Amino acid sequence: MVGNAALLACPTRVLAHPTRILAYPAKLLACHNRLLARVSMLFILTFFACLIPDAWSEENFEPETVFIPAGTFTAGSSDAERSLYRVPRHESAAHRVYLPAYWIGRYEATNEQYEIFIEDGGYDDPSYWTPEGWKARQEYGWSEPRCWRDPDYRGGRHVNLPVCALSWHEAQAYCRWLSQKTGRPYRLPTEMEWEKAARGEDGRIFPWGGEWGPNFCNWYGYLGEMRKKKGDTDRFLGLAPVGSFENGKSPWGCFDMAGNVLEWCSDPWSKDDATYRVFRGGCFRSNNPRFMRAAWRGGTYPDVGHVYWGIIGFRVARDAESEESVE
């Protein structure tokens, strides 16, 4: 059988096969269609590849936030609360605080969200870090959060777990990167912003109300690991996916403000001690309801979350613009 290439290469052979002359245009068109199909597919794949950054920026990139309106709320702990839960002296007594409107994360920042920050190069970009944070990163040799490769904390089914084992500096860097990417002024919440989001305006002790609820948050349980294995408290032995405790959310709809991971705030410990940074909220290793209260506060050095502890995470916040309201 004579091929098409041979026919084209030898005019005399073309003339010797008139039926093939008639068939050639159809074959040429078929080859052209296949080539066109391949070029079209390449164009389509390239087009959708260009859309991928926009897709993740709209769906998974920016944490969901809730609007907290301007107004006063009761911060600190009442005399009855202090007596019942043996509140330490460094925790303030109940008092009224006014805050302007702001937005705060509905959930703790997740592994999935922090991974986008790392993959985008934010973790390696000193412009997103404070000078002190970048210095700590270099001195300690950080290349990722400390538990980033621990299968109990991240990987596969754990994308919706809160990112943890983070220093205050690593949380700050993420917020700065998020601000640059979205054009919104993201940051860590202040201590008072965190507390108002956790307890509402009525002075309740826990995010869900005034009474302790052992199944309303991810905590260690009265008797620790053995009690958890018996199923007497929550159903998680470690971290829980964000938003797992519907009955434990705050009056504003914020989840996990008691338990799961401790959460960094922007504030220093006090006016006299700017070396410590505040964290709030209790964690999955907390073994007493005292640490689950909205007024409870703890603190440590800003690099400790990475160096020692695997229990500190964060949620984002930002100021509300004058024209903004509940969406």
Protein backbone atom coordinates (compact mmCIF):
# COMPACT_ATOMS: atom_id res chain seq x y z
CA MET A 1 0.00 0.00 0.00
CA VAL A 2 1.28 3.43 -0.90
CA GLY A 3 1.29 6.00 1.93
CA ASN A 4 0.18 9.62 1.66
CA ALA A 5 3.74 10.89 2.12
CA ALA A 6 4.87 8.79 -0.84
CA LEU A 7 2.01 10.09 -2.94
CA LEU A 8 2.97 13.66 -2.24
CA ALA A 9 6.63 12.97 -2.85
CA CYS A 10 6.11 11.49 -6.34
CA PRO A 11 3.65 13.20 -8.75
CA THR A 12 3.71 10.29 -11.16
CA ARG A 13 2.56 7.92 -8.46
CA VAL A 14 -0.17 10.38 -7.56
CA LEU A 15 -1.44 10.29 -11.12
CA ALA A 16 -1.29 6.52 -11.03
CA HIS A 17 -3.73 6.44 -8.12
CA PRO A 18 -6.68 8.73 -9.03
CA THR A 19 -8.92 7.31 -6.28
CA ARG A 20 -6.38 8.32 -3.69
CA ILE A 21 -6.27 11.79 -5.16
CA LEU A 22 -9.96 12.09 -4.34
CA ALA A 23 -9.45 10.69 -0.80
CA TYR A 24 -6.49 12.93 0.05
CA PRO A 25 -8.40 16.13 0.96
CA ALA A 26 -10.50 14.18 3.49
CA LYS A 27 -7.38 12.64 5.05
CA LEU A 28 -5.64 16.00 5.13
CA LEU A 29 -8.70 17.51 6.84
CA ALA A 30 -8.72 14.69 9.41
CA CYS A 31 -5.05 15.32 10.22
CA HIS A 32 -5.76 19.03 10.47
CA ASN A 33 -8.68 18.40 12.83
CA ARG A 34 -6.52 16.25 15.10
CA LEU A 35 -3.86 18.94 15.22
CA LEU A 36 -6.49 21.59 15.85
CA ALA A 37 -7.98 19.49 18.65
CA ARG A 38 -4.59 19.15 20.32
CA VAL A 39 -3.86 22.87 20.04
CA SER A 40 -7.34 23.67 21.37
CA MET A 41 -6.90 21.33 24.35
CA LEU A 42 -3.53 22.90 25.15
CA PHE A 43 -5.12 26.35 25.05
CA ILE A 44 -7.98 25.27 27.32
CA LEU A 45 -5.63 23.71 29.89
CA THR A 46 -3.44 26.82 29.89
CA PHE A 47 -6.50 29.04 30.29
CA PHE A 48 -7.81 27.14 33.31
CA ALA A 49 -4.33 26.93 34.82
CA CYS A 50 -4.27 30.71 34.79
CA LEU A 51 -7.56 30.74 36.69
CA ILE A 52 -6.37 28.48 39.53
CA PRO A 53 -4.88 31.28 41.71
CA ASP A 54 -8.16 33.21 41.50
CA ALA A 55 -10.12 30.10 42.43
CA TRP A 56 -8.21 29.37 45.63
CA SER A 57 -8.03 33.03 46.56
CA GLU A 58 -11.82 33.24 46.54
CA GLU A 59 -12.68 29.93 48.20
CA ASN A 60 -9.94 28.70 50.56
CA PHE A 61 -7.46 31.52 50.63
CA GLU A 62 -9.17 34.13 52.81
CA PRO A 63 -10.41 32.91 56.21
CA GLU A 64 -14.10 33.37 56.93
CA THR A 65 -14.71 36.18 59.39
CA VAL A 66 -17.66 37.42 61.47
CA PHE A 67 -18.60 41.02 62.14
CA ILE A 68 -18.47 42.23 65.74
CA PRO A 69 -20.36 45.54 66.08
CA ALA A 70 -19.08 48.47 68.08
CA GLY A 71 -20.18 48.58 71.70
CA THR A 72 -19.35 47.67 75.27
CA PHE A 73 -19.03 44.24 76.83
CA THR A 74 -18.11 42.80 80.20
CA ALA A 75 -14.48 41.72 80.33
CA GLY A 76 -12.68 39.98 83.18
CA SER A 77 -14.16 37.73 85.85
CA SER A 78 -16.82 38.39 88.46
CA ASP A 79 -16.34 37.67 92.16
CA ALA A 80 -18.50 34.54 91.87
CA GLU A 81 -16.47 33.29 88.89
CA ARG A 82 -13.19 34.00 90.66
CA SER A 83 -14.28 31.99 93.67
CA LEU A 84 -15.74 29.06 91.74
CA TYR A 85 -12.79 28.62 89.37
CA ARG A 86 -9.92 29.83 91.56
CA VAL A 87 -9.01 32.65 89.22
CA PRO A 88 -5.39 33.85 89.54
CA ARG A 89 -4.59 37.44 90.51
CA HIS A 90 -3.22 38.47 87.13
CA GLU A 91 -6.70 38.09 85.60
CA SER A 92 -8.65 41.33 85.79
CA ALA A 93 -11.88 41.77 87.70
CA ALA A 94 -15.10 42.26 85.76
CA HIS A 95 -15.29 45.64 84.05
CA ARG A 96 -16.93 47.21 81.01
CA VAL A 97 -14.89 47.81 77.87
CA TYR A 98 -15.85 49.68 74.70
CA LEU A 99 -14.51 48.47 71.35
CA PRO A 100 -15.07 49.84 67.85
CA ALA A 101 -16.42 47.45 65.22
CA TYR A 102 -14.09 44.79 63.84
CA TRP A 103 -13.99 41.43 62.09
CA ILE A 104 -12.56 38.22 63.54
CA GLY A 105 -12.07 34.71 62.20
CA ARG A 106 -15.04 32.42 62.56
CA TYR A 107 -12.56 29.56 62.89
CA GLU A 108 -8.96 29.10 63.92
CA ALA A 109 -6.54 29.37 60.99
CA THR A 110 -6.15 25.94 59.37
CA ASN A 111 -3.32 23.87 57.93
CA GLU A 112 -4.79 24.38 54.47
CA GLN A 113 -4.75 28.16 54.79
CA TYR A 114 -1.24 28.26 56.21
CA GLU A 115 0.00 25.90 53.48
CA ILE A 116 -1.06 28.44 50.83
CA PHE A 117 1.05 31.03 52.65
CA ILE A 118 4.08 28.71 52.58
CA GLU A 119 3.61 27.64 48.95
CA ASP A 120 3.27 31.25 47.87
CA GLY A 121 6.71 31.96 49.35
CA GLY A 122 5.44 34.03 52.26
CA TYR A 123 7.24 31.98 54.89
CA ASP A 124 10.60 32.68 53.18
CA ASP A 125 9.99 36.36 52.50
CA PRO A 126 11.45 38.65 55.20
CA SER A 127 9.13 41.49 54.18
CA TYR A 128 6.25 39.70 55.92
CA TRP A 129 8.13 39.22 59.19
CA THR A 130 8.91 41.66 61.94
CA PRO A 131 12.67 42.25 62.35
CA GLU A 132 12.57 40.31 65.62
CA GLY A 133 10.65 37.49 63.97
CA TRP A 134 13.01 37.16 61.02
CA LYS A 135 15.97 37.17 63.42
CA ALA A 136 14.39 34.33 65.43
CA ARG A 137 13.63 32.40 62.22
CA GLN A 138 17.27 32.61 61.17
CA GLU A 139 18.69 31.84 64.60
CA TYR A 140 16.49 28.77 65.10
CA GLY A 141 16.64 27.68 61.45
CA TRP A 142 12.87 27.57 60.97
CA SER A 143 11.75 26.47 57.52
CA GLU A 144 8.13 25.60 58.45
CA PRO A 145 5.98 25.22 61.59
CA ARG A 146 7.54 22.74 64.01
CA CYS A 147 4.86 20.03 63.66
CA TRP A 148 4.35 20.60 59.92
CA ARG A 149 5.51 17.08 59.02
CA ASP A 150 3.99 15.34 62.03
CA PRO A 151 1.15 13.08 60.74
CA ASP A 152 -0.85 13.70 63.91
CA TYR A 153 -0.96 17.42 63.19
CA ARG A 154 -1.02 17.75 59.42
CA GLY A 155 -1.29 15.89 56.13
CA GLY A 156 -4.08 14.36 54.05
CA ARG A 157 -7.18 14.25 56.20
CA HIS A 158 -5.77 16.91 58.53
CA VAL A 159 -6.06 19.92 56.20
CA ASN A 160 -8.97 21.28 58.26
CA LEU A 161 -7.17 20.98 61.58
CA PRO A 162 -6.00 24.25 63.14
CA VAL A 163 -2.39 25.02 62.31
CA CYS A 164 -0.40 24.86 65.51
CA ALA A 165 3.08 24.66 67.05
CA LEU A 166 3.47 28.23 65.83
CA SER A 167 5.44 31.09 67.28
CA TRP A 168 3.83 34.50 67.61
CA HIS A 169 6.18 35.63 64.83
CA GLU A 170 4.91 32.95 62.42
CA ALA A 171 1.31 33.97 63.07
CA GLN A 172 2.20 37.62 62.51
CA ALA A 173 3.95 36.83 59.22
CA TYR A 174 0.85 35.04 57.93
CA CYS A 175 -1.36 38.02 58.79
CA ARG A 176 0.97 40.43 57.00
CA TRP A 177 1.03 38.21 53.93
CA LEU A 178 -2.77 37.88 53.98
CA SER A 179 -3.09 41.66 54.15
CA GLN A 180 -0.87 42.10 51.12
CA LYS A 181 -2.75 39.47 49.10
CA THR A 182 -6.26 40.67 49.91
CA GLY A 183 -5.82 44.40 50.41
CA ARG A 184 -7.55 44.06 53.80
CA PRO A 185 -5.70 45.02 57.02
CA TYR A 186 -5.46 41.58 58.64
CA ARG A 187 -3.67 41.14 61.97
CA LEU A 188 -3.85 39.18 65.18
CA PRO A 189 -6.77 40.16 67.43
CA THR A 190 -6.15 42.22 70.51
CA GLU A 191 -6.83 40.54 73.81
CA MET A 192 -10.07 42.46 74.32
CA GLU A 193 -11.25 41.78 70.77
CA TRP A 194 -10.68 38.09 71.32
CA GLU A 195 -12.59 38.12 74.62
CA LYS A 196 -15.60 40.00 73.25
CA ALA A 197 -15.80 37.60 70.30
CA ALA A 198 -15.64 34.68 72.73
CA ARG A 199 -18.28 35.73 75.26
CA GLY A 200 -20.54 38.33 73.71
CA GLU A 201 -21.76 41.32 75.68
CA ASP A 202 -23.47 39.68 78.67
CA GLY A 203 -20.49 38.61 80.76
CA ARG A 204 -21.01 34.85 80.33
CA ILE A 205 -18.22 32.61 81.62
CA PHE A 206 -17.91 30.31 78.60
CA PRO A 207 -18.62 30.95 74.92
CA TRP A 208 -21.85 28.94 75.13
CA GLY A 209 -23.13 30.32 78.44
CA GLY A 210 -22.63 30.48 82.18
CA GLU A 211 -22.41 26.76 82.94
CA TRP A 212 -19.57 24.39 82.17
CA GLY A 213 -20.31 21.93 79.35
CA PRO A 214 -17.75 19.10 79.13
CA ASN A 215 -18.90 18.11 75.62
CA PHE A 216 -18.96 21.64 74.22
CA CYS A 217 -15.25 21.94 73.39
CA ASN A 218 -12.10 19.96 72.67
CA TRP A 219 -10.27 19.62 76.00
CA TYR A 220 -8.29 17.01 77.91
CA GLY A 221 -10.92 15.99 80.42
CA TYR A 222 -10.77 15.86 84.19
CA LEU A 223 -8.74 12.67 84.27
CA GLY A 224 -6.76 13.20 81.12
CA GLU A 225 -6.13 10.59 78.42
CA MET A 226 -7.78 7.64 80.18
CA ARG A 227 -11.03 9.54 80.57
CA LYS A 228 -11.01 10.48 76.90
CA LYS A 229 -10.49 6.88 75.87
CA LYS A 230 -13.62 5.96 77.78
CA GLY A 231 -15.57 8.50 75.77
CA ASP A 232 -16.66 10.53 78.79
CA THR A 233 -15.73 13.90 77.28
CA ASP A 234 -15.32 14.94 73.64
CA ARG A 235 -14.65 12.41 70.88
CA PHE A 236 -11.17 13.65 69.97
CA LEU A 237 -7.92 12.42 71.49
CA GLY A 238 -5.94 15.26 69.91
CA LEU A 239 -6.75 18.19 67.68
CA ALA A 240 -10.27 18.50 66.26
CA PRO A 241 -11.20 19.88 62.82
CA VAL A 242 -12.22 23.50 63.18
CA GLY A 243 -15.94 23.99 63.72
CA SER A 244 -16.53 20.54 65.23
CA PHE A 245 -18.46 21.81 68.27
CA GLU A 246 -21.63 23.50 67.07
CA ASN A 247 -23.01 23.70 70.61
CA GLY A 248 -19.85 25.44 71.82
CA LYS A 249 -19.79 28.45 69.51
CA SER A 250 -19.91 32.00 70.86
CA PRO A 251 -22.88 34.41 70.61
CA TRP A 252 -21.30 35.87 67.45
CA GLY A 253 -20.87 32.46 65.83
CA CYS A 254 -17.15 31.94 66.48
CA PHE A 255 -16.07 28.32 66.92
CA ASP A 256 -13.44 26.75 69.19
CA MET A 257 -12.86 29.76 71.39
CA ALA A 258 -12.63 27.27 74.24
CA GLY A 259 -10.24 24.38 73.68
CA ASN A 260 -8.60 22.89 70.57
CA VAL A 261 -5.55 25.22 70.39
CA LEU A 262 -4.38 28.22 72.37
CA GLU A 263 -4.66 31.38 70.28
CA TRP A 264 -2.10 34.16 70.02
CA CYS A 265 -3.24 37.74 70.57
CA SER A 266 -1.32 40.84 69.55
CA ASP A 267 -0.90 42.24 73.07
CA PRO A 268 2.15 42.12 75.30
CA TRP A 269 1.54 40.55 78.70
CA SER A 270 1.44 43.90 80.47
CA LYS A 271 2.74 47.47 80.27
CA ASP A 272 5.68 46.40 82.40
CA ASP A 273 6.41 43.19 80.49
CA ALA A 274 6.52 43.51 76.72
CA THR A 275 8.61 40.34 76.26
CA TYR A 276 5.67 37.99 76.86
CA ARG A 277 2.78 37.76 74.39
CA VAL A 278 -0.76 36.84 75.39
CA PHE A 279 -2.64 33.75 74.28
CA ARG A 280 -6.25 32.85 75.03
CA GLY A 281 -8.76 30.04 74.82
CA GLY A 282 -7.42 26.86 76.42
CA CYS A 283 -6.48 23.84 74.29
CA PHE A 284 -6.94 20.12 73.77
CA ARG A 285 -4.36 19.52 76.51
CA SER A 286 -6.14 21.71 79.10
CA ASN A 287 -7.45 19.56 81.92
CA ASN A 288 -9.57 21.98 83.94
CA PRO A 289 -12.62 24.11 83.03
CA ARG A 290 -10.80 27.09 84.53
CA PHE A 291 -8.69 27.29 81.36
CA MET A 292 -11.73 27.16 79.08
CA ARG A 293 -13.24 30.39 80.41
CA ALA A 294 -13.45 33.39 78.09
CA ALA A 295 -11.66 35.57 80.66
CA TRP A 296 -8.73 33.18 81.16
CA ARG A 297 -5.39 34.44 79.87
CA GLY A 298 -1.95 32.98 79.49
CA GLY A 299 1.28 34.14 77.94
CA THR A 300 4.81 33.22 76.97
CA TYR A 301 7.76 34.38 74.89
CA PRO A 302 6.83 34.96 71.23
CA ASP A 303 9.11 32.21 69.90
CA VAL A 304 8.05 29.51 72.38
CA GLY A 305 5.12 28.28 70.31
CA HIS A 306 7.55 26.91 67.74
CA VAL A 307 10.43 25.91 70.00
CA TYR A 308 8.60 23.97 72.70
CA TRP A 309 4.82 23.75 72.51
CA GLY A 310 2.60 22.07 69.94
CA ILE A 311 -0.60 23.62 71.25
CA ILE A 312 -0.61 27.26 70.07
CA GLY A 313 -2.36 28.52 66.95
CA PHE A 314 -4.27 31.69 66.07
CA ARG A 315 -7.20 33.27 64.29
CA VAL A 316 -7.17 36.45 62.24
CA ALA A 317 -8.84 39.80 62.85
CA ARG A 318 -9.08 43.14 61.07
CA ASP A 319 -10.54 46.58 61.58
CA ALA A 320 -13.96 47.28 60.13
CA GLU A 321 -13.97 50.02 57.53
CA SER A 322 -16.44 52.85 58.07
CA GLU A 323 -18.64 51.72 55.19
CA GLU A 324 -18.67 48.07 56.20
CA SER A 325 -21.53 46.27 57.94
CA VAL A 326 -22.71 42.70 58.33
CA GLU A 327 -22.56 41.00 54.91
